[in-house]
Structures are given as structure tokens and as C-alpha cells.
N, C-alpha and C. Protein backbone atom coordinates (compact mmCIF):
# COMPACT_ATOMS: atom_id res chain seq x y z
N MET A 1 0.83 -1.21 0.00
CA MET A 1 0.00 0.00 0.00
C MET A 1 0.86 1.26 0.00
N ILE A 2 1.86 1.29 0.85
CA ILE A 2 2.69 2.50 0.94
C ILE A 2 3.44 2.75 -0.37
N GLU A 3 3.85 1.69 -1.05
CA GLU A 3 4.53 1.88 -2.33
C GLU A 3 3.61 2.63 -3.30
N VAL A 4 2.37 2.23 -3.34
CA VAL A 4 1.39 2.91 -4.21
C VAL A 4 1.32 4.39 -3.85
N VAL A 5 1.27 4.67 -2.56
CA VAL A 5 1.17 6.04 -2.10
C VAL A 5 2.36 6.85 -2.61
N TYR A 6 3.56 6.34 -2.43
CA TYR A 6 4.72 7.14 -2.78
C TYR A 6 4.92 7.27 -4.28
N GLN A 7 4.54 6.23 -5.02
CA GLN A 7 4.59 6.32 -6.48
C GLN A 7 3.73 7.49 -6.94
N SER A 8 2.53 7.56 -6.42
CA SER A 8 1.60 8.61 -6.85
C SER A 8 2.11 9.98 -6.43
N LEU A 9 2.70 10.07 -5.24
CA LEU A 9 3.18 11.37 -4.77
C LEU A 9 4.27 11.89 -5.69
N SER A 10 5.13 10.99 -6.17
CA SER A 10 6.25 11.46 -6.97
C SER A 10 5.79 11.96 -8.33
N GLU A 11 4.58 11.58 -8.74
CA GLU A 11 4.08 12.06 -10.03
C GLU A 11 3.41 13.42 -9.88
N HIS A 12 3.50 14.03 -8.71
CA HIS A 12 2.95 15.36 -8.45
C HIS A 12 1.45 15.44 -8.67
N THR A 13 0.74 14.35 -8.45
CA THR A 13 -0.70 14.48 -8.38
C THR A 13 -0.98 15.01 -6.98
N PHE A 14 -2.07 15.69 -6.79
CA PHE A 14 -2.31 16.25 -5.46
C PHE A 14 -2.49 15.12 -4.45
N PRO A 15 -1.67 15.03 -3.42
CA PRO A 15 -1.57 13.81 -2.62
C PRO A 15 -2.63 13.64 -1.54
N TYR A 16 -3.66 14.49 -1.49
CA TYR A 16 -4.58 14.40 -0.37
C TYR A 16 -5.23 13.03 -0.26
N LYS A 17 -5.68 12.46 -1.39
CA LYS A 17 -6.40 11.19 -1.30
C LYS A 17 -5.48 10.07 -0.84
N PHE A 18 -4.19 10.17 -1.16
CA PHE A 18 -3.26 9.13 -0.74
C PHE A 18 -3.01 9.25 0.76
N TYR A 19 -3.04 10.48 1.25
CA TYR A 19 -2.90 10.70 2.69
C TYR A 19 -4.07 10.05 3.42
N MET A 20 -5.27 10.19 2.87
CA MET A 20 -6.45 9.58 3.48
C MET A 20 -6.31 8.06 3.49
N LYS A 21 -5.73 7.49 2.43
CA LYS A 21 -5.51 6.05 2.37
C LYS A 21 -4.62 5.61 3.53
N LEU A 22 -3.59 6.41 3.80
CA LEU A 22 -2.70 6.07 4.90
C LEU A 22 -3.46 6.07 6.22
N LYS A 23 -4.35 7.04 6.41
CA LYS A 23 -5.11 7.12 7.64
C LYS A 23 -5.91 5.84 7.86
N VAL A 24 -6.53 5.34 6.79
CA VAL A 24 -7.37 4.16 6.90
C VAL A 24 -6.53 2.96 7.34
N ASN A 25 -5.31 2.87 6.84
CA ASN A 25 -4.49 1.69 7.10
C ASN A 25 -3.57 1.84 8.31
N GLN A 26 -3.84 2.81 9.13
CA GLN A 26 -2.94 3.12 10.23
C GLN A 26 -2.69 1.90 11.13
N LYS A 27 -3.71 1.08 11.36
CA LYS A 27 -3.54 -0.07 12.25
C LYS A 27 -2.67 -1.15 11.61
N LEU A 28 -2.65 -1.19 10.29
CA LEU A 28 -1.94 -2.26 9.60
C LEU A 28 -0.45 -1.96 9.46
N ILE A 29 -0.09 -0.67 9.39
CA ILE A 29 1.29 -0.32 9.06
C ILE A 29 1.98 0.29 10.28
N PRO A 30 3.02 -0.35 10.79
CA PRO A 30 3.66 0.15 12.01
C PRO A 30 4.34 1.52 11.84
N HIS A 31 4.88 1.79 10.64
CA HIS A 31 5.62 3.04 10.47
C HIS A 31 4.77 4.14 9.89
N VAL A 32 3.45 4.01 10.00
CA VAL A 32 2.59 4.96 9.30
C VAL A 32 2.73 6.38 9.83
N ARG A 33 3.09 6.56 11.10
CA ARG A 33 3.27 7.92 11.64
C ARG A 33 4.33 8.67 10.85
N GLU A 34 5.46 8.00 10.61
CA GLU A 34 6.55 8.61 9.86
C GLU A 34 6.08 8.93 8.45
N LYS A 35 5.37 8.01 7.83
CA LYS A 35 4.89 8.21 6.46
C LYS A 35 3.92 9.38 6.42
N GLU A 36 3.04 9.47 7.40
CA GLU A 36 2.07 10.56 7.44
C GLU A 36 2.78 11.90 7.42
N LYS A 37 3.84 12.02 8.22
CA LYS A 37 4.57 13.28 8.28
C LYS A 37 5.11 13.62 6.91
N GLN A 38 5.67 12.61 6.21
CA GLN A 38 6.25 12.87 4.89
C GLN A 38 5.16 13.30 3.92
N VAL A 39 4.01 12.64 3.99
CA VAL A 39 2.92 12.99 3.07
C VAL A 39 2.46 14.41 3.35
N LYS A 40 2.33 14.77 4.64
CA LYS A 40 1.90 16.12 4.98
C LYS A 40 2.90 17.13 4.44
N ARG A 41 4.19 16.81 4.56
CA ARG A 41 5.22 17.73 4.10
C ARG A 41 5.07 17.94 2.59
N VAL A 42 4.85 16.86 1.86
CA VAL A 42 4.68 16.98 0.41
C VAL A 42 3.43 17.81 0.10
N ARG A 43 2.35 17.58 0.86
CA ARG A 43 1.13 18.36 0.64
C ARG A 43 1.41 19.84 0.82
N CYS A 44 2.18 20.18 1.84
CA CYS A 44 2.48 21.59 2.10
C CYS A 44 3.26 22.18 0.94
N VAL A 45 4.26 21.45 0.46
CA VAL A 45 5.09 21.97 -0.62
C VAL A 45 4.25 22.18 -1.87
N ILE A 46 3.45 21.18 -2.22
CA ILE A 46 2.64 21.29 -3.43
C ILE A 46 1.61 22.41 -3.26
N GLY A 47 1.01 22.49 -2.07
CA GLY A 47 0.05 23.54 -1.80
C GLY A 47 0.68 24.91 -1.97
N TYR A 48 1.91 25.06 -1.49
CA TYR A 48 2.61 26.33 -1.59
C TYR A 48 2.92 26.66 -3.05
N GLU A 49 3.34 25.65 -3.81
CA GLU A 49 3.61 25.87 -5.24
C GLU A 49 2.35 26.36 -5.94
N MET A 50 1.22 25.73 -5.65
CA MET A 50 -0.04 26.13 -6.29
C MET A 50 -0.39 27.56 -5.88
N TYR A 51 -0.15 27.88 -4.61
CA TYR A 51 -0.43 29.23 -4.10
C TYR A 51 0.42 30.25 -4.85
N ARG A 52 1.69 29.93 -5.07
CA ARG A 52 2.57 30.86 -5.77
C ARG A 52 2.13 31.05 -7.21
N GLU A 53 1.75 29.94 -7.86
CA GLU A 53 1.25 30.04 -9.24
C GLU A 53 0.05 30.97 -9.29
N ASN A 54 -0.91 30.77 -8.37
CA ASN A 54 -2.11 31.61 -8.35
C ASN A 54 -1.74 33.07 -8.15
N ASN A 55 -0.78 33.32 -7.28
CA ASN A 55 -0.35 34.69 -7.04
C ASN A 55 0.22 35.33 -8.31
N LYS A 56 1.05 34.56 -9.02
CA LYS A 56 1.63 35.08 -10.26
C LYS A 56 0.52 35.45 -11.23
N ASN A 57 -0.47 34.57 -11.35
CA ASN A 57 -1.58 34.83 -12.27
C ASN A 57 -2.33 36.09 -11.86
N ARG A 58 -2.54 36.27 -10.56
CA ARG A 58 -3.24 37.46 -10.08
C ARG A 58 -2.45 38.72 -10.40
N GLU A 59 -1.14 38.65 -10.19
CA GLU A 59 -0.29 39.81 -10.50
C GLU A 59 -0.41 40.17 -11.97
N ARG A 60 -0.39 39.14 -12.82
CA ARG A 60 -0.47 39.36 -14.26
C ARG A 60 -1.79 40.04 -14.60
N GLU A 61 -2.89 39.57 -13.98
CA GLU A 61 -4.20 40.15 -14.25
C GLU A 61 -4.25 41.62 -13.80
N ARG A 62 -3.61 41.92 -12.68
CA ARG A 62 -3.61 43.30 -12.18
C ARG A 62 -2.93 44.23 -13.17
N LYS A 63 -1.82 43.75 -13.76
CA LYS A 63 -1.07 44.59 -14.69
C LYS A 63 -1.88 44.87 -15.95
N LEU A 64 -2.69 43.89 -16.36
CA LEU A 64 -3.50 44.09 -17.58
C LEU A 64 -4.58 45.06 -17.32
């Protein structure tokens, strides 16, 4: 299961649904706490990238 999660994360799809998958399997996977932290970190980075893109677009619209 975790392999699937990380494969998808590396393709830069928005990882929220994979994070939810980890939550469901928490009882099955002993190291899931560590994995959760990594997934959250990736979510933050991707979220920030999207935020920056949106900001650039807004700036462009303001100039027009």
C-alpha cells in the first residue's frame, strides 16, 4: 500500500487522497506515523507551489 502512495506522490498528483488512504491503514502499518509526516510535508510543498502560481496569475491580471 505504501509503495502505491509514494509512487503517486512522486508524479505530483495532489496527494490528499493518498494521505487519506494512509489514515485508513494506520492499524496495519507500524511506520505509518513517519509516512504521514512525509505525506503532509509533500502536501504543504505542493500547496505552496499552487499558491505561488495563483499569485503570479493574479499579479499578471492586475497589470492588464
